Amino acid sequence: EREGVSCISSSGGFVTYIDSLKGRFTTSRDKAK
């Protein structure tokens, strides 16, 4: 099944939903692009 990985808020904060990915995956915004 499809699973949630991470999410970034409108303010730039983010959360990683899968424990095994914490510290390995980073979500960020590139506003210029």
PDB file of all heavy atoms in Angstrom:
ATOM      1  N   GLU A   1       0.824  -1.194   0.000  1.00  0.00           N
ATOM      2  CA  GLU A   1       0.000   0.000   0.000  1.00  0.00           C
ATOM      3  C   GLU A   1       0.864   1.252   0.000  1.00  0.00           C
ATOM      4  O   GLU A   1       2.002   1.251   0.462  1.00  0.00           O
ATOM      5  CB  GLU A   1      -0.924   0.005   1.221  1.00  0.00           C
ATOM      6  CG  GLU A   1      -1.935  -1.125   1.233  1.00  0.00           C
ATOM      7  CD  GLU A   1      -2.840  -1.062   2.443  1.00  0.00           C
ATOM      8  OE1 GLU A   1      -2.560  -0.279   3.375  1.00  0.00           O
ATOM      9  OE2 GLU A   1      -3.844  -1.799   2.456  1.00  0.00           O
ATOM     10  N   ARG A   2       0.290   2.306  -0.519  1.00  0.00           N
ATOM     11  CA  ARG A   2       0.968   3.585  -0.476  1.00  0.00           C
ATOM     12  C   ARG A   2       1.096   4.058   0.966  1.00  0.00           C
ATOM     13  O   ARG A   2       0.152   3.967   1.753  1.00  0.00           O
ATOM     14  CB  ARG A   2       0.198   4.597  -1.314  1.00  0.00           C
ATOM     15  CG  ARG A   2       0.907   5.911  -1.526  1.00  0.00           C
ATOM     16  CD  ARG A   2       0.185   6.754  -2.563  1.00  0.00           C
ATOM     17  NE  ARG A   2       0.161   6.091  -3.870  1.00  0.00           N
ATOM     18  CZ  ARG A   2      -0.340   6.629  -4.966  1.00  0.00           C
ATOM     19  NH1 ARG A   2      -0.867   7.853  -4.927  1.00  0.00           N
ATOM     20  NH2 ARG A   2      -0.337   5.956  -6.104  1.00  0.00           N
ATOM     21  N   GLU A   3       2.268   4.560   1.316  1.00  0.00           N
ATOM     22  CA  GLU A   3       2.503   5.013   2.675  1.00  0.00           C
ATOM     23  C   GLU A   3       3.084   6.419   2.677  1.00  0.00           C
ATOM     24  O   GLU A   3       3.840   6.800   1.776  1.00  0.00           O
ATOM     25  CB  GLU A   3       3.434   4.056   3.417  1.00  0.00           C
ATOM     26  CG  GLU A   3       4.808   3.917   2.808  1.00  0.00           C
ATOM     27  CD  GLU A   3       5.703   2.958   3.569  1.00  0.00           C
ATOM     28  OE1 GLU A   3       5.345   2.574   4.703  1.00  0.00           O
ATOM     29  OE2 GLU A   3       6.766   2.593   3.026  1.00  0.00           O
ATOM     30  N   GLY A   4       2.739   7.162   3.696  1.00  0.00           N
ATOM     31  CA  GLY A   4       3.281   8.489   3.846  1.00  0.00           C
ATOM     32  C   GLY A   4       4.730   8.440   4.285  1.00  0.00           C
ATOM     33  O   GLY A   4       5.091   7.678   5.183  1.00  0.00           O
ATOM     34  N   VAL A   5       5.559   9.254   3.667  1.00  0.00           N
ATOM     35  CA  VAL A   5       6.983   9.320   3.979  1.00  0.00           C
ATOM     36  C   VAL A   5       7.296  10.523   4.853  1.00  0.00           C
ATOM     37  O   VAL A   5       7.887  10.400   5.931  1.00  0.00           O
ATOM     38  CB  VAL A   5       7.817   9.367   2.690  1.00  0.00           C
ATOM     39  CG1 VAL A   5       9.295   9.600   3.003  1.00  0.00           C
ATOM     40  CG2 VAL A   5       7.631   8.082   1.894  1.00  0.00           C
ATOM     41  N   SER A   6       6.900  11.692   4.389  1.00  0.00           N
ATOM     42  CA  SER A   6       7.217  12.918   5.101  1.00  0.00           C
ATOM     43  C   SER A   6       6.289  14.014   4.629  1.00  0.00           C
ATOM     44  O   SER A   6       5.559  13.862   3.649  1.00  0.00           O
ATOM     45  CB  SER A   6       8.679  13.322   4.874  1.00  0.00           C
ATOM     46  OG  SER A   6       8.911  13.638   3.515  1.00  0.00           O
ATOM     47  N   CYS A   7       6.356  15.133   5.332  1.00  0.00           N
ATOM     48  CA  CYS A   7       5.533  16.273   4.964  1.00  0.00           C
ATOM     49  C   CYS A   7       6.221  17.543   5.436  1.00  0.00           C
ATOM     50  O   CYS A   7       6.849  17.554   6.503  1.00  0.00           O
ATOM     51  CB  CYS A   7       4.144  16.159   5.582  1.00  0.00           C
ATOM     52  SG  CYS A   7       2.986  17.459   5.081  1.00  0.00           S
ATOM     53  N   ILE A   8       6.098  18.589   4.645  1.00  0.00           N
ATOM     54  CA  ILE A   8       6.625  19.889   5.014  1.00  0.00           C
ATOM     55  C   ILE A   8       5.471  20.879   5.041  1.00  0.00           C
ATOM     56  O   ILE A   8       4.619  20.897   4.151  1.00  0.00           O
ATOM     57  CB  ILE A   8       7.750  20.327   4.055  1.00  0.00           C
ATOM     58  CG1 ILE A   8       8.417  21.604   4.557  1.00  0.00           C
ATOM     59  CG2 ILE A   8       7.245  20.475   2.631  1.00  0.00           C
ATOM     60  CD1 ILE A   8       9.746  21.893   3.867  1.00  0.00           C
ATOM     61  N   SER A   9       5.458  21.697   6.071  1.00  0.00           N
ATOM     62  CA  SER A   9       4.356  22.627   6.264  1.00  0.00           C
ATOM     63  C   SER A   9       4.574  23.898   5.464  1.00  0.00           C
ATOM     64  O   SER A   9       5.636  24.126   4.872  1.00  0.00           O
ATOM     65  CB  SER A   9       4.204  22.960   7.750  1.00  0.00           C
ATOM     66  OG  SER A   9       5.255  23.806   8.187  1.00  0.00           O
ATOM     67  N   SER A  10       3.570  24.744   5.477  1.00  0.00           N
ATOM     68  CA  SER A  10       3.689  26.020   4.787  1.00  0.00           C
ATOM     69  C   SER A  10       4.748  26.918   5.413  1.00  0.00           C
ATOM     70  O   SER A  10       5.273  27.807   4.745  1.00  0.00           O
ATOM     71  CB  SER A  10       2.335  26.738   4.772  1.00  0.00           C
ATOM     72  OG  SER A  10       1.863  26.960   6.089  1.00  0.00           O
ATOM     73  N   SER A  11       5.082  26.676   6.675  1.00  0.00           N
ATOM     74  CA  SER A  11       6.100  27.457   7.363  1.00  0.00           C
ATOM     75  C   SER A  11       7.491  26.854   7.262  1.00  0.00           C
ATOM     76  O   SER A  11       8.449  27.443   7.757  1.00  0.00           O
ATOM     77  CB  SER A  11       5.730  27.636   8.828  1.00  0.00           C
ATOM     78  OG  SER A  11       5.686  26.393   9.499  1.00  0.00           O
ATOM     79  N   GLY A  12       7.614  25.685   6.666  1.00  0.00           N
ATOM     80  CA  GLY A  12       8.910  25.059   6.472  1.00  0.00           C
ATOM     81  C   GLY A  12       9.245  23.937   7.413  1.00  0.00           C
ATOM     82  O   GLY A  12      10.251  23.238   7.201  1.00  0.00           O
ATOM     83  N   GLY A  13       8.464  23.741   8.460  1.00  0.00           N
ATOM     84  CA  GLY A  13       8.693  22.612   9.324  1.00  0.00           C
ATOM     85  C   GLY A  13       8.326  21.318   8.624  1.00  0.00           C
ATOM     86  O   GLY A  13       7.470  21.293   7.742  1.00  0.00           O
ATOM     87  N   PHE A  14       8.984  20.249   9.004  1.00  0.00           N
ATOM     88  CA  PHE A  14       8.693  18.981   8.351  1.00  0.00           C
ATOM     89  C   PHE A  14       8.698  17.848   9.355  1.00  0.00           C
ATOM     90  O   PHE A  14       9.271  17.947  10.449  1.00  0.00           O
ATOM     91  CB  PHE A  14       9.672  18.690   7.210  1.00  0.00           C
ATOM     92  CG  PHE A  14      11.055  18.306   7.651  1.00  0.00           C
ATOM     93  CD1 PHE A  14      11.414  16.979   7.805  1.00  0.00           C
ATOM     94  CD2 PHE A  14      12.009  19.274   7.890  1.00  0.00           C
ATOM     95  CE1 PHE A  14      12.694  16.621   8.198  1.00  0.00           C
ATOM     96  CE2 PHE A  14      13.290  18.932   8.283  1.00  0.00           C
ATOM     97  CZ  PHE A  14      13.632  17.605   8.443  1.00  0.00           C
ATOM     98  N   VAL A  15       8.059  16.774   8.964  1.00  0.00           N
ATOM     99  CA  VAL A  15       7.982  15.581   9.779  1.00  0.00           C
ATOM    100  C   VAL A  15       8.228  14.378   8.889  1.00  0.00           C
ATOM    101  O   VAL A  15       7.794  14.347   7.728  1.00  0.00           O
ATOM    102  CB  VAL A  15       6.624  15.481  10.498  1.00  0.00           C
ATOM    103  CG1 VAL A  15       5.472  15.441   9.503  1.00  0.00           C
ATOM    104  CG2 VAL A  15       6.574  14.260  11.410  1.00  0.00           C
ATOM    105  N   THR A  16       8.940  13.401   9.416  1.00  0.00           N
ATOM    106  CA  THR A  16       9.153  12.134   8.741  1.00  0.00           C
ATOM    107  C   THR A  16       8.312  11.086   9.442  1.00  0.00           C
ATOM    108  O   THR A  16       8.460  10.871  10.646  1.00  0.00           O
ATOM    109  CB  THR A  16      10.627  11.731   8.756  1.00  0.00           C
ATOM    110  OG1 THR A  16      11.404  12.757   8.147  1.00  0.00           O
ATOM    111  CG2 THR A  16      10.839  10.434   7.995  1.00  0.00           C
ATOM    112  N   TYR A  17       7.442  10.447   8.702  1.00  0.00           N
ATOM    113  CA  TYR A  17       6.465   9.561   9.310  1.00  0.00           C
ATOM    114  C   TYR A  17       6.984   8.160   9.565  1.00  0.00           C
ATOM    115  O   TYR A  17       6.494   7.476  10.466  1.00  0.00           O
ATOM    116  CB  TYR A  17       5.227   9.471   8.425  1.00  0.00           C
ATOM    117  CG  TYR A  17       4.462  10.767   8.310  1.00  0.00           C
ATOM    118  CD1 TYR A  17       4.294  11.387   7.085  1.00  0.00           C
ATOM    119  CD2 TYR A  17       3.899  11.359   9.434  1.00  0.00           C
ATOM    120  CE1 TYR A  17       3.589  12.565   6.975  1.00  0.00           C
ATOM    121  CE2 TYR A  17       3.200  12.540   9.338  1.00  0.00           C
ATOM    122  CZ  TYR A  17       3.045  13.143   8.100  1.00  0.00           C
ATOM    123  OH  TYR A  17       2.339  14.320   7.996  1.00  0.00           O
ATOM    124  N   ILE A  18       7.942   7.713   8.796  1.00  0.00           N
ATOM    125  CA  ILE A  18       8.462   6.354   8.909  1.00  0.00           C
ATOM    126  C   ILE A  18       9.725   6.381   9.744  1.00  0.00           C
ATOM    127  O   ILE A  18      10.702   7.042   9.397  1.00  0.00           O
ATOM    128  CB  ILE A  18       8.724   5.757   7.518  1.00  0.00           C
ATOM    129  CG1 ILE A  18       7.453   5.799   6.670  1.00  0.00           C
ATOM    130  CG2 ILE A  18       9.254   4.338   7.636  1.00  0.00           C
ATOM    131  CD1 ILE A  18       7.663   5.366   5.236  1.00  0.00           C
ATOM    132  N   ASP A  19       9.715   5.642  10.843  1.00  0.00           N
ATOM    133  CA  ASP A  19      10.826   5.709  11.790  1.00  0.00           C
ATOM    134  C   ASP A  19      12.162   5.368  11.148  1.00  0.00           C
ATOM    135  O   ASP A  19      13.182   6.000  11.451  1.00  0.00           O
ATOM    136  CB  ASP A  19      10.566   4.775  12.968  1.00  0.00           C
ATOM    137  CG  ASP A  19       9.524   5.308  13.922  1.00  0.00           C
ATOM    138  OD1 ASP A  19       9.203   6.508  13.856  1.00  0.00           O
ATOM    139  OD2 ASP A  19       9.025   4.517  14.751  1.00  0.00           O
ATOM    140  N   SER A  20      12.172   4.384  10.274  1.00  0.00           N
ATOM    141  CA  SER A  20      13.427   3.955   9.676  1.00  0.00           C
ATOM    142  C   SER A  20      14.026   4.999   8.739  1.00  0.00           C
ATOM    143  O   SER A  20      15.192   4.885   8.360  1.00  0.00           O
ATOM    144  CB  SER A  20      13.226   2.640   8.920  1.00  0.00           C
ATOM    145  OG  SER A  20      12.323   2.799   7.839  1.00  0.00           O
ATOM    146  N   LEU A  21      13.247   5.995   8.369  1.00  0.00           N
ATOM    147  CA  LEU A  21      13.730   7.041   7.481  1.00  0.00           C
ATOM    148  C   LEU A  21      14.221   8.276   8.215  1.00  0.00           C
ATOM    149  O   LEU A  21      14.875   9.133   7.610  1.00  0.00           O
ATOM    150  CB  LEU A  21      12.629   7.454   6.502  1.00  0.00           C
ATOM    151  CG  LEU A  21      12.055   6.348   5.624  1.00  0.00           C
ATOM    152  CD1 LEU A  21      11.031   6.918   4.662  1.00  0.00           C
ATOM    153  CD2 LEU A  21      13.151   5.619   4.874  1.00  0.00           C
ATOM    154  N   LYS A  22      13.902   8.382   9.478  1.00  0.00           N
ATOM    155  CA  LYS A  22      14.316   9.544  10.241  1.00  0.00           C
ATOM    156  C   LYS A  22      15.835   9.607  10.316  1.00  0.00           C
ATOM    157  O   LYS A  22      16.499   8.629  10.620  1.00  0.00           O
ATOM    158  CB  LYS A  22      13.702   9.505  11.639  1.00  0.00           C
ATOM    159  CG  LYS A  22      12.194   9.658  11.625  1.00  0.00           C
ATOM    160  CD  LYS A  22      11.597   9.569  13.022  1.00  0.00           C
ATOM    161  CE  LYS A  22      10.091   9.732  12.974  1.00  0.00           C
ATOM    162  NZ  LYS A  22       9.474   9.615  14.309  1.00  0.00           N
ATOM    163  N   GLY A  23      16.367  10.772  10.020  1.00  0.00           N
ATOM    164  CA  GLY A  23      17.803  10.943   9.963  1.00  0.00           C
ATOM    165  C   GLY A  23      18.407  10.620   8.619  1.00  0.00           C
ATOM    166  O   GLY A  23      19.576  10.947   8.376  1.00  0.00           O
ATOM    167  N   ARG A  24      17.655   9.982   7.742  1.00  0.00           N
ATOM    168  CA  ARG A  24      18.134   9.649   6.400  1.00  0.00           C
ATOM    169  C   ARG A  24      17.464  10.486   5.316  1.00  0.00           C
ATOM    170  O   ARG A  24      18.091  10.773   4.295  1.00  0.00           O
ATOM    171  CB  ARG A  24      17.915   8.172   6.096  1.00  0.00           C
ATOM    172  CG  ARG A  24      18.636   7.228   7.031  1.00  0.00           C
ATOM    173  CD  ARG A  24      18.705   5.818   6.460  1.00  0.00           C
ATOM    174  NE  ARG A  24      17.388   5.198   6.342  1.00  0.00           N
ATOM    175  CZ  ARG A  24      16.813   4.837   5.193  1.00  0.00           C
ATOM    176  NH1 ARG A  24      17.436   5.049   4.046  1.00  0.00           N
ATOM    177  NH2 ARG A  24      15.620   4.259   5.197  1.00  0.00           N
ATOM    178  N   PHE A  25      16.217  10.825   5.528  1.00  0.00           N
ATOM    179  CA  PHE A  25      15.461  11.596   4.544  1.00  0.00           C
ATOM    180  C   PHE A  25      15.196  12.989   5.096  1.00  0.00           C
ATOM    181  O   PHE A  25      14.798  13.138   6.257  1.00  0.00           O
ATOM    182  CB  PHE A  25      14.121  10.934   4.233  1.00  0.00           C
ATOM    183  CG  PHE A  25      14.196   9.697   3.380  1.00  0.00           C
ATOM    184  CD1 PHE A  25      15.368   8.970   3.248  1.00  0.00           C
ATOM    185  CD2 PHE A  25      13.066   9.258   2.706  1.00  0.00           C
ATOM    186  CE1 PHE A  25      15.422   7.829   2.462  1.00  0.00           C
ATOM    187  CE2 PHE A  25      13.105   8.116   1.921  1.00  0.00           C
ATOM    188  CZ  PHE A  25      14.282   7.406   1.799  1.00  0.00           C
ATOM    189  N   THR A  26      15.390  13.995   4.264  1.00  0.00           N
ATOM    190  CA  THR A  26      15.145  15.375   4.645  1.00  0.00           C
ATOM    191  C   THR A  26      14.281  16.049   3.594  1.00  0.00           C
ATOM    192  O   THR A  26      14.552  15.933   2.397  1.00  0.00           O
ATOM    193  CB  THR A  26      16.458  16.157   4.806  1.00  0.00           C
ATOM    194  OG1 THR A  26      17.264  15.539   5.807  1.00  0.00           O
ATOM    195  CG2 THR A  26      16.177  17.594   5.216  1.00  0.00           C
ATOM    196  N   THR A  27      13.264  16.741   4.045  1.00  0.00           N
ATOM    197  CA  THR A  27      12.370  17.472   3.159  1.00  0.00           C
ATOM    198  C   THR A  27      12.601  18.961   3.338  1.00  0.00           C
ATOM    199  O   THR A  27      12.687  19.447   4.465  1.00  0.00           O
ATOM    200  CB  THR A  27      10.906  17.127   3.466  1.00  0.00           C
ATOM    201  OG1 THR A  27      10.720  15.711   3.372  1.00  0.00           O
ATOM    202  CG2 THR A  27       9.965  17.815   2.494  1.00  0.00           C
ATOM    203  N   SER A  28      12.683  19.673   2.237  1.00  0.00           N
ATOM    204  CA  SER A  28      12.925  21.103   2.292  1.00  0.00           C
ATOM    205  C   SER A  28      12.245  21.777   1.112  1.00  0.00           C
ATOM    206  O   SER A  28      11.809  21.124   0.164  1.00  0.00           O
ATOM    207  CB  SER A  28      14.426  21.413   2.296  1.00  0.00           C
ATOM    208  OG  SER A  28      15.042  20.930   1.111  1.00  0.00           O
ATOM    209  N   ARG A  29      12.179  23.086   1.191  1.00  0.00           N
ATOM    210  CA  ARG A  29      11.602  23.871   0.105  1.00  0.00           C
ATOM    211  C   ARG A  29      12.688  24.605  -0.654  1.00  0.00           C
ATOM    212  O   ARG A  29      13.637  25.130  -0.069  1.00  0.00           O
ATOM    213  CB  ARG A  29      10.591  24.888   0.636  1.00  0.00           C
ATOM    214  CG  ARG A  29       9.330  24.268   1.200  1.00  0.00           C
ATOM    215  CD  ARG A  29       8.340  25.351   1.627  1.00  0.00           C
ATOM    216  NE  ARG A  29       7.148  24.780   2.230  1.00  0.00           N
ATOM    217  CZ  ARG A  29       6.055  24.456   1.569  1.00  0.00           C
ATOM    218  NH1 ARG A  29       5.986  24.655   0.255  1.00  0.00           N
ATOM    219  NH2 ARG A  29       5.017  23.935   2.207  1.00  0.00           N
ATOM    220  N   ASP A  30      12.540  24.630  -1.944  1.00  0.00           N
ATOM    221  CA  ASP A  30      13.360  25.459  -2.814  1.00  0.00           C
ATOM    222  C   ASP A  30      12.411  26.479  -3.427  1.00  0.00           C
ATOM    223  O   ASP A  30      11.840  26.261  -4.492  1.00  0.00           O
ATOM    224  CB  ASP A  30      14.050  24.620  -3.880  1.00  0.00           C
ATOM    225  CG  ASP A  30      15.020  25.423  -4.720  1.00  0.00           C
ATOM    226  OD1 ASP A  30      14.958  26.665  -4.694  1.00  0.00           O
ATOM    227  OD2 ASP A  30      15.853  24.806  -5.402  1.00  0.00           O
ATOM    228  N   LYS A  31      12.235  27.582  -2.730  1.00  0.00           N
ATOM    229  CA  LYS A  31      11.234  28.557  -3.154  1.00  0.00           C
ATOM    230  C   LYS A  31      11.564  29.183  -4.498  1.00  0.00           C
ATOM    231  O   LYS A  31      10.661  29.505  -5.270  1.00  0.00           O
ATOM    232  CB  LYS A  31      11.071  29.639  -2.087  1.00  0.00           C
ATOM    233  CG  LYS A  31      10.353  29.170  -0.838  1.00  0.00           C
ATOM    234  CD  LYS A  31      10.023  30.345   0.065  1.00  0.00           C
ATOM    235  CE  LYS A  31       9.137  29.926   1.212  1.00  0.00           C
ATOM    236  NZ  LYS A  31       8.734  31.081   2.041  1.00  0.00           N
ATOM    237  N   ALA A  32      12.852  29.353  -4.777  1.00  0.00           N
ATOM    238  CA  ALA A  32      13.243  29.960  -6.038  1.00  0.00           C
ATOM    239  C   ALA A  32      12.783  29.128  -7.224  1.00  0.00           C
ATOM    240  O   ALA A  32      12.515  29.667  -8.297  1.00  0.00           O
ATOM    241  CB  ALA A  32      14.756  30.167  -6.084  1.00  0.00           C
ATOM    242  N   LYS A  33      12.717  27.828  -7.039  1.00  0.00           N
ATOM    243  CA  LYS A  33      12.289  26.937  -8.103  1.00  0.00           C
ATOM    244  C   LYS A  33      10.850  26.474  -7.939  1.00  0.00           C
ATOM    245  O   LYS A  33      10.387  25.633  -8.724  1.00  0.00           O
ATOM    246  CB  LYS A  33      13.225  25.730  -8.171  1.00  0.00           C
ATOM    247  CG  LYS A  33      14.657  26.086  -8.507  1.00  0.00           C
ATOM    248  CD  LYS A  33      15.508  24.845  -8.663  1.00  0.00           C
ATOM    249  CE  LYS A  33      16.948  25.205  -8.963  1.00  0.00           C
ATOM    250  NZ  LYS A  33      17.074  25.910 -10.257  1.00  0.00           N
TER     251      LYS A  33
END
